[in-house]
Every structure is written in C-alpha cells, then in structure tokens.
All heavy atoms as atom14 arrays in JSON, in Angstrom:
{
  "sequence": "QPEELSLRKRPFGLAVKVHVPASLGWFHGHFPDHPIL",
  "atom14_mask": [
    [1, 1, 1, 1, 1, 1, 1, 1, 1, 0, 0, 0, 0, 0],
    [1, 1, 1, 1, 1, 1, 1, 0, 0, 0, 0, 0, 0, 0],
    [1, 1, 1, 1, 1, 1, 1, 1, 1, 0, 0, 0, 0, 0],
    [1, 1, 1, 1, 1, 1, 1, 1, 1, 0, 0, 0, 0, 0],
    [1, 1, 1, 1, 1, 1, 1, 1, 0, 0, 0, 0, 0, 0],
    [1, 1, 1, 1, 1, 1, 0, 0, 0, 0, 0, 0, 0, 0],
    [1, 1, 1, 1, 1, 1, 1, 1, 0, 0, 0, 0, 0, 0],
    [1, 1, 1, 1, 1, 1, 1, 1, 1, 1, 1, 0, 0, 0],
    [1, 1, 1, 1, 1, 1, 1, 1, 1, 0, 0, 0, 0, 0],
    [1, 1, 1, 1, 1, 1, 1, 1, 1, 1, 1, 0, 0, 0],
    [1, 1, 1, 1, 1, 1, 1, 0, 0, 0, 0, 0, 0, 0],
    [1, 1, 1, 1, 1, 1, 1, 1, 1, 1, 1, 0, 0, 0],
    [1, 1, 1, 1, 0, 0, 0, 0, 0, 0, 0, 0, 0, 0],
    [1, 1, 1, 1, 1, 1, 1, 1, 0, 0, 0, 0, 0, 0],
    [1, 1, 1, 1, 1, 0, 0, 0, 0, 0, 0, 0, 0, 0],
    [1, 1, 1, 1, 1, 1, 1, 0, 0, 0, 0, 0, 0, 0],
    [1, 1, 1, 1, 1, 1, 1, 1, 1, 0, 0, 0, 0, 0],
    [1, 1, 1, 1, 1, 1, 1, 0, 0, 0, 0, 0, 0, 0],
    [1, 1, 1, 1, 1, 1, 1, 1, 1, 1, 0, 0, 0, 0],
    [1, 1, 1, 1, 1, 1, 1, 0, 0, 0, 0, 0, 0, 0],
    [1, 1, 1, 1, 1, 1, 1, 0, 0, 0, 0, 0, 0, 0],
    [1, 1, 1, 1, 1, 0, 0, 0, 0, 0, 0, 0, 0, 0],
    [1, 1, 1, 1, 1, 1, 0, 0, 0, 0, 0, 0, 0, 0],
    [1, 1, 1, 1, 1, 1, 1, 1, 0, 0, 0, 0, 0, 0],
    [1, 1, 1, 1, 0, 0, 0, 0, 0, 0, 0, 0, 0, 0],
    [1, 1, 1, 1, 1, 1, 1, 1, 1, 1, 1, 1, 1, 1],
    [1, 1, 1, 1, 1, 1, 1, 1, 1, 1, 1, 0, 0, 0],
    [1, 1, 1, 1, 1, 1, 1, 1, 1, 1, 0, 0, 0, 0],
    [1, 1, 1, 1, 0, 0, 0, 0, 0, 0, 0, 0, 0, 0],
    [1, 1, 1, 1, 1, 1, 1, 1, 1, 1, 0, 0, 0, 0],
    [1, 1, 1, 1, 1, 1, 1, 1, 1, 1, 1, 0, 0, 0],
    [1, 1, 1, 1, 1, 1, 1, 0, 0, 0, 0, 0, 0, 0],
    [1, 1, 1, 1, 1, 1, 1, 1, 0, 0, 0, 0, 0, 0],
    [1, 1, 1, 1, 1, 1, 1, 1, 1, 1, 0, 0, 0, 0],
    [1, 1, 1, 1, 1, 1, 1, 0, 0, 0, 0, 0, 0, 0],
    [1, 1, 1, 1, 1, 1, 1, 1, 0, 0, 0, 0, 0, 0],
    [1, 1, 1, 1, 1, 1, 1, 1, 0, 0, 0, 0, 0, 0]
  ],
  "atom14_positions": [
    [[140.2, 85.07, 68.63], [138.9, 84.51, 68.96], [138.23, 85.3, 70.08], [138.91, 85.85, 70.96], [139.04, 83.05, 69.41], [139.6, 82.14, 68.34], [138.73, 82.11, 67.11], [137.51, 81.95, 67.19], [139.33, 82.28, 65.94], [0.0, 0.0, 0.0], [0.0, 0.0, 0.0], [0.0, 0.0, 0.0], [0.0, 0.0, 0.0], [0.0, 0.0, 0.0]],
    [[136.9, 85.33, 70.08], [136.2, 86.0, 71.18], [136.31, 85.15, 72.44], [136.63, 83.96, 72.4], [134.76, 86.07, 70.68], [134.62, 84.84, 69.84], [135.96, 84.69, 69.15], [0.0, 0.0, 0.0], [0.0, 0.0, 0.0], [0.0, 0.0, 0.0], [0.0, 0.0, 0.0], [0.0, 0.0, 0.0], [0.0, 0.0, 0.0], [0.0, 0.0, 0.0]],
    [[135.99, 85.74, 73.55], [135.91, 85.02, 74.82], [134.48, 84.47, 74.94], [133.52, 85.25, 75.0], [136.22, 85.97, 75.98], [136.07, 85.35, 77.34], [136.18, 86.38, 78.45], [136.62, 87.53, 78.2], [135.8, 86.04, 79.58], [0.0, 0.0, 0.0], [0.0, 0.0, 0.0], [0.0, 0.0, 0.0], [0.0, 0.0, 0.0], [0.0, 0.0, 0.0]],
    [[134.36, 83.17, 74.94], [133.03, 82.54, 75.03], [132.53, 82.62, 76.46], [133.18, 82.14, 77.38], [133.13, 81.09, 74.58], [131.79, 80.4, 74.48], [131.96, 78.99, 73.97], [132.43, 78.81, 72.82], [131.63, 78.07, 74.73], [0.0, 0.0, 0.0], [0.0, 0.0, 0.0], [0.0, 0.0, 0.0], [0.0, 0.0, 0.0], [0.0, 0.0, 0.0]],
    [[131.35, 83.21, 76.64], [130.75, 83.35, 77.97], [129.74, 82.25, 78.25], [129.63, 81.78, 79.37], [130.1, 84.73, 78.11], [131.02, 85.93, 77.89], [130.23, 87.23, 77.93], [132.15, 85.94, 78.9], [0.0, 0.0, 0.0], [0.0, 0.0, 0.0], [0.0, 0.0, 0.0], [0.0, 0.0, 0.0], [0.0, 0.0, 0.0], [0.0, 0.0, 0.0]],
    [[128.98, 81.87, 77.23], [128.03, 80.76, 77.38], [127.69, 80.22, 76.0], [127.82, 80.92, 74.99], [126.76, 81.2, 78.11], [126.0, 82.08, 77.31], [0.0, 0.0, 0.0], [0.0, 0.0, 0.0], [0.0, 0.0, 0.0], [0.0, 0.0, 0.0], [0.0, 0.0, 0.0], [0.0, 0.0, 0.0], [0.0, 0.0, 0.0], [0.0, 0.0, 0.0]],
    [[127.26, 78.97, 76.0], [126.88, 78.3, 74.75], [125.73, 77.36, 75.07], [125.82, 76.56, 76.01], [128.07, 77.52, 74.2], [127.86, 76.87, 72.84], [129.14, 76.93, 72.03], [127.39, 75.44, 72.98], [0.0, 0.0, 0.0], [0.0, 0.0, 0.0], [0.0, 0.0, 0.0], [0.0, 0.0, 0.0], [0.0, 0.0, 0.0], [0.0, 0.0, 0.0]],
    [[124.65, 77.5, 74.32], [123.47, 76.65, 74.54], [123.04, 76.05, 73.21], [122.7, 76.78, 72.28], [122.34, 77.47, 75.15], [121.1, 76.65, 75.48], [120.07, 77.47, 76.24], [119.82, 78.77, 75.65], [118.82, 79.04, 74.8], [117.98, 78.12, 74.43], [118.66, 80.26, 74.32], [0.0, 0.0, 0.0], [0.0, 0.0, 0.0], [0.0, 0.0, 0.0]],
    [[123.09, 74.72, 73.14], [122.62, 74.03, 71.95], [121.11, 73.85, 72.05], [120.57, 73.69, 73.14], [123.28, 72.66, 71.82], [124.73, 72.72, 71.4], [125.32, 71.34, 71.27], [125.17, 70.89, 69.84], [125.95, 69.67, 69.55], [0.0, 0.0, 0.0], [0.0, 0.0, 0.0], [0.0, 0.0, 0.0], [0.0, 0.0, 0.0], [0.0, 0.0, 0.0]],
    [[120.46, 73.9, 70.91], [119.03, 73.63, 70.85], [118.78, 72.9, 69.54], [119.67, 72.85, 68.69], [118.23, 74.92, 70.97], [118.59, 75.97, 69.98], [117.74, 77.22, 70.21], [117.88, 78.09, 69.08], [118.73, 79.12, 69.02], [119.48, 79.4, 70.05], [118.83, 79.84, 67.95], [0.0, 0.0, 0.0], [0.0, 0.0, 0.0], [0.0, 0.0, 0.0]],
    [[117.61, 72.32, 69.36], [117.37, 71.61, 68.1], [117.6, 72.54, 66.91], [117.04, 73.63, 66.85], [115.9, 71.2, 68.19], [115.61, 71.18, 69.66], [116.47, 72.25, 70.27], [0.0, 0.0, 0.0], [0.0, 0.0, 0.0], [0.0, 0.0, 0.0], [0.0, 0.0, 0.0], [0.0, 0.0, 0.0], [0.0, 0.0, 0.0], [0.0, 0.0, 0.0]],
    [[118.47, 72.15, 66.03], [118.79, 72.9, 64.81], [119.33, 74.3, 65.08], [119.11, 75.21, 64.28], [117.57, 72.99, 63.87], [117.06, 71.65, 63.47], [115.89, 71.14, 64.01], [117.76, 70.89, 62.55], [115.43, 69.9, 63.63], [117.3, 69.64, 62.17], [116.14, 69.13, 62.72], [0.0, 0.0, 0.0], [0.0, 0.0, 0.0], [0.0, 0.0, 0.0]],
    [[120.03, 74.48, 66.18], [120.57, 75.8, 66.42], [121.49, 75.89, 67.61], [121.79, 74.9, 68.28], [0.0, 0.0, 0.0], [0.0, 0.0, 0.0], [0.0, 0.0, 0.0], [0.0, 0.0, 0.0], [0.0, 0.0, 0.0], [0.0, 0.0, 0.0], [0.0, 0.0, 0.0], [0.0, 0.0, 0.0], [0.0, 0.0, 0.0], [0.0, 0.0, 0.0]],
    [[121.91, 77.11, 67.83], [122.9, 77.39, 68.86], [122.74, 78.85, 69.29], [122.49, 79.72, 68.46], [124.28, 77.18, 68.23], [125.52, 77.07, 69.07], [125.47, 75.85, 69.96], [126.72, 76.97, 68.15], [0.0, 0.0, 0.0], [0.0, 0.0, 0.0], [0.0, 0.0, 0.0], [0.0, 0.0, 0.0], [0.0, 0.0, 0.0], [0.0, 0.0, 0.0]],
    [[122.87, 79.08, 70.59], [122.89, 80.44, 71.12], [124.19, 80.61, 71.89], [124.49, 79.83, 72.8], [121.7, 80.67, 72.04], [0.0, 0.0, 0.0], [0.0, 0.0, 0.0], [0.0, 0.0, 0.0], [0.0, 0.0, 0.0], [0.0, 0.0, 0.0], [0.0, 0.0, 0.0], [0.0, 0.0, 0.0], [0.0, 0.0, 0.0], [0.0, 0.0, 0.0]],
    [[124.98, 81.6, 71.5], [126.29, 81.82, 72.09], [126.4, 83.26, 72.56], [125.98, 84.17, 71.85], [127.42, 81.54, 71.06], [128.78, 81.61, 71.73], [127.23, 80.21, 70.36], [0.0, 0.0, 0.0], [0.0, 0.0, 0.0], [0.0, 0.0, 0.0], [0.0, 0.0, 0.0], [0.0, 0.0, 0.0], [0.0, 0.0, 0.0], [0.0, 0.0, 0.0]],
    [[126.97, 83.43, 73.74], [127.28, 84.77, 74.24], [128.8, 84.88, 74.28], [129.47, 83.99, 74.81], [126.7, 84.98, 75.63], [125.18, 85.04, 75.65], [124.68, 85.35, 77.05], [123.17, 85.36, 77.11], [122.53, 86.4, 76.36], [0.0, 0.0, 0.0], [0.0, 0.0, 0.0], [0.0, 0.0, 0.0], [0.0, 0.0, 0.0], [0.0, 0.0, 0.0]],
    [[129.32, 85.96, 73.68], [130.76, 86.16, 73.64], [131.11, 87.59, 74.05], [130.32, 88.51, 73.91], [131.37, 85.87, 72.24], [131.15, 84.42, 71.83], [130.83, 86.82, 71.19], [0.0, 0.0, 0.0], [0.0, 0.0, 0.0], [0.0, 0.0, 0.0], [0.0, 0.0, 0.0], [0.0, 0.0, 0.0], [0.0, 0.0, 0.0], [0.0, 0.0, 0.0]],
    [[132.33, 87.71, 74.55], [132.93, 89.02, 74.82], [133.99, 89.23, 73.74], [134.75, 88.32, 73.43], [133.56, 89.04, 76.21], [134.34, 90.26, 76.49], [135.71, 90.25, 76.65], [133.97, 91.56, 76.61], [136.14, 91.47, 76.87], [135.11, 92.29, 76.85], [0.0, 0.0, 0.0], [0.0, 0.0, 0.0], [0.0, 0.0, 0.0], [0.0, 0.0, 0.0]],
    [[134.02, 90.43, 73.19], [134.98, 90.77, 72.13], [136.09, 91.6, 72.77], [135.95, 92.81, 72.94], [134.27, 91.56, 71.0], [135.25, 91.88, 69.89], [133.07, 90.78, 70.46], [0.0, 0.0, 0.0], [0.0, 0.0, 0.0], [0.0, 0.0, 0.0], [0.0, 0.0, 0.0], [0.0, 0.0, 0.0], [0.0, 0.0, 0.0], [0.0, 0.0, 0.0]],
    [[137.2, 90.95, 73.14], [138.25, 91.68, 73.85], [138.99, 92.67, 72.96], [139.14, 92.46, 71.75], [139.21, 90.57, 74.33], [138.96, 89.43, 73.41], [137.53, 89.54, 72.95], [0.0, 0.0, 0.0], [0.0, 0.0, 0.0], [0.0, 0.0, 0.0], [0.0, 0.0, 0.0], [0.0, 0.0, 0.0], [0.0, 0.0, 0.0], [0.0, 0.0, 0.0]],
    [[139.45, 93.73, 73.57], [140.2, 94.75, 72.84], [141.52, 94.21, 72.32], [142.12, 94.79, 71.42], [140.43, 95.97, 73.73], [0.0, 0.0, 0.0], [0.0, 0.0, 0.0], [0.0, 0.0, 0.0], [0.0, 0.0, 0.0], [0.0, 0.0, 0.0], [0.0, 0.0, 0.0], [0.0, 0.0, 0.0], [0.0, 0.0, 0.0], [0.0, 0.0, 0.0]],
    [[141.97, 93.08, 72.87], [143.25, 92.5, 72.47], [143.18, 91.71, 71.16], [144.19, 91.17, 70.71], [143.77, 91.57, 73.57], [142.86, 90.5, 73.8], [0.0, 0.0, 0.0], [0.0, 0.0, 0.0], [0.0, 0.0, 0.0], [0.0, 0.0, 0.0], [0.0, 0.0, 0.0], [0.0, 0.0, 0.0], [0.0, 0.0, 0.0], [0.0, 0.0, 0.0]],
    [[142.01, 91.66, 70.52], [141.89, 90.94, 69.25], [142.8, 91.56, 68.19], [142.78, 92.78, 67.99], [140.46, 90.97, 68.72], [139.46, 90.02, 69.37], [138.08, 90.26, 68.78], [139.87, 88.58, 69.2], [0.0, 0.0, 0.0], [0.0, 0.0, 0.0], [0.0, 0.0, 0.0], [0.0, 0.0, 0.0], [0.0, 0.0, 0.0], [0.0, 0.0, 0.0]],
    [[143.54, 90.73, 67.53], [144.4, 91.21, 66.45], [143.63, 91.86, 65.33], [144.18, 92.69, 64.59], [0.0, 0.0, 0.0], [0.0, 0.0, 0.0], [0.0, 0.0, 0.0], [0.0, 0.0, 0.0], [0.0, 0.0, 0.0], [0.0, 0.0, 0.0], [0.0, 0.0, 0.0], [0.0, 0.0, 0.0], [0.0, 0.0, 0.0], [0.0, 0.0, 0.0]],
    [[142.36, 91.52, 65.18], [141.53, 92.07, 64.1], [141.35, 93.57, 64.23], [141.06, 94.24, 63.24], [140.16, 91.38, 64.06], [140.25, 89.89, 63.98], [139.8, 88.99, 64.9], [140.83, 89.11, 62.93], [140.07, 87.72, 64.5], [140.7, 87.75, 63.28], [141.46, 89.42, 61.73], [141.16, 86.72, 62.48], [141.93, 88.39, 60.93], [141.77, 87.07, 61.31]],
    [[141.47, 94.1, 65.44], [141.3, 95.54, 65.64], [142.54, 96.32, 65.22], [142.45, 97.52, 64.95], [140.98, 95.85, 67.1], [139.62, 95.4, 67.53], [139.47, 94.57, 68.62], [138.48, 95.8, 66.85], [138.2, 94.15, 69.03], [137.21, 95.38, 67.24], [137.08, 94.55, 68.34], [0.0, 0.0, 0.0], [0.0, 0.0, 0.0], [0.0, 0.0, 0.0]],
    [[143.68, 95.67, 65.18], [144.93, 96.34, 64.85], [144.86, 96.9, 63.42], [144.8, 96.15, 62.45], [146.11, 95.37, 64.99], [147.43, 96.0, 64.75], [147.99, 96.91, 65.63], [148.3, 95.88, 63.73], [149.14, 97.3, 65.16], [149.36, 96.7, 64.0], [0.0, 0.0, 0.0], [0.0, 0.0, 0.0], [0.0, 0.0, 0.0], [0.0, 0.0, 0.0]],
    [[144.81, 98.22, 63.32], [144.77, 98.87, 62.01], [143.4, 98.95, 61.37], [143.25, 99.42, 60.25], [0.0, 0.0, 0.0], [0.0, 0.0, 0.0], [0.0, 0.0, 0.0], [0.0, 0.0, 0.0], [0.0, 0.0, 0.0], [0.0, 0.0, 0.0], [0.0, 0.0, 0.0], [0.0, 0.0, 0.0], [0.0, 0.0, 0.0], [0.0, 0.0, 0.0]],
    [[142.36, 98.51, 62.06], [141.01, 98.5, 61.47], [140.03, 99.19, 62.41], [139.19, 98.52, 63.04], [140.55, 97.07, 61.22], [139.38, 96.97, 60.29], [138.09, 96.83, 60.75], [139.3, 96.99, 58.96], [137.27, 96.74, 59.71], [137.98, 96.83, 58.62], [0.0, 0.0, 0.0], [0.0, 0.0, 0.0], [0.0, 0.0, 0.0], [0.0, 0.0, 0.0]],
    [[139.99, 100.35, 62.6], [140.71, 101.5, 62.09], [141.44, 102.12, 63.25], [140.94, 102.06, 64.36], [139.74, 102.47, 61.44], [139.05, 101.87, 60.24], [137.82, 101.23, 60.36], [139.65, 101.9, 58.99], [137.19, 100.67, 59.25], [139.02, 101.35, 57.87], [137.79, 100.73, 58.01], [0.0, 0.0, 0.0], [0.0, 0.0, 0.0], [0.0, 0.0, 0.0]],
    [[142.59, 102.75, 63.05], [143.44, 103.19, 64.17], [142.73, 104.04, 65.23], [142.91, 103.8, 66.41], [144.55, 103.97, 63.48], [144.64, 103.38, 62.11], [143.22, 103.01, 61.76], [0.0, 0.0, 0.0], [0.0, 0.0, 0.0], [0.0, 0.0, 0.0], [0.0, 0.0, 0.0], [0.0, 0.0, 0.0], [0.0, 0.0, 0.0], [0.0, 0.0, 0.0]],
    [[141.94, 105.0, 64.82], [141.3, 105.88, 65.81], [139.93, 105.4, 66.27], [139.42, 105.87, 67.28], [141.17, 107.3, 65.24], [142.53, 107.93, 64.99], [143.48, 107.59, 65.74], [142.65, 108.73, 64.06], [0.0, 0.0, 0.0], [0.0, 0.0, 0.0], [0.0, 0.0, 0.0], [0.0, 0.0, 0.0], [0.0, 0.0, 0.0], [0.0, 0.0, 0.0]],
    [[139.32, 104.5, 65.52], [137.97, 104.0, 65.84], [137.89, 102.53, 65.47], [137.28, 102.17, 64.45], [136.9, 104.79, 65.07], [136.92, 106.24, 65.36], [136.46, 106.77, 66.54], [137.39, 107.29, 64.64], [136.63, 108.08, 66.52], [137.2, 108.41, 65.39], [0.0, 0.0, 0.0], [0.0, 0.0, 0.0], [0.0, 0.0, 0.0], [0.0, 0.0, 0.0]],
    [[138.5, 101.63, 66.26], [138.55, 100.22, 65.9], [137.16, 99.58, 65.84], [136.31, 99.85, 66.69], [139.4, 99.59, 67.0], [139.34, 100.54, 68.14], [139.12, 101.89, 67.56], [0.0, 0.0, 0.0], [0.0, 0.0, 0.0], [0.0, 0.0, 0.0], [0.0, 0.0, 0.0], [0.0, 0.0, 0.0], [0.0, 0.0, 0.0], [0.0, 0.0, 0.0]],
    [[136.95, 98.79, 64.79], [135.71, 98.02, 64.65], [136.07, 96.6, 64.22], [137.11, 96.36, 63.61], [134.72, 98.65, 63.65], [135.31, 98.68, 62.24], [134.3, 100.03, 64.1], [134.31, 99.1, 61.18], [0.0, 0.0, 0.0], [0.0, 0.0, 0.0], [0.0, 0.0, 0.0], [0.0, 0.0, 0.0], [0.0, 0.0, 0.0], [0.0, 0.0, 0.0]],
    [[135.23, 95.66, 64.56], [135.44, 94.27, 64.19], [135.04, 94.08, 62.73], [133.89, 94.37, 62.36], [134.61, 93.35, 65.09], [134.82, 91.86, 64.89], [136.23, 91.46, 65.33], [133.78, 91.08, 65.69], [0.0, 0.0, 0.0], [0.0, 0.0, 0.0], [0.0, 0.0, 0.0], [0.0, 0.0, 0.0], [0.0, 0.0, 0.0], [0.0, 0.0, 0.0]]
  ]
}
C-alpha cells in the first residue's frame, strides 16, 4: 500500500495524496533496472 499523506472527502468525491515507497512489493521484478508501478 502507498503511504497516505492526506485525505479530503468532498461531495461525491475524494482527494488523496500518497507517497509511493520504494519498498512496495509491486516494484520487485517490474522491471529490474527501471521499476515502475
């Protein structure tokens, strides 16, 4: 999961700020030299 920095609810919506840590398992092997989410 990303690190949630802030979350703001609004009528019929949501605004979220997140940090995508390098420790995410999703980066493992996707791709070894140039990891992408």
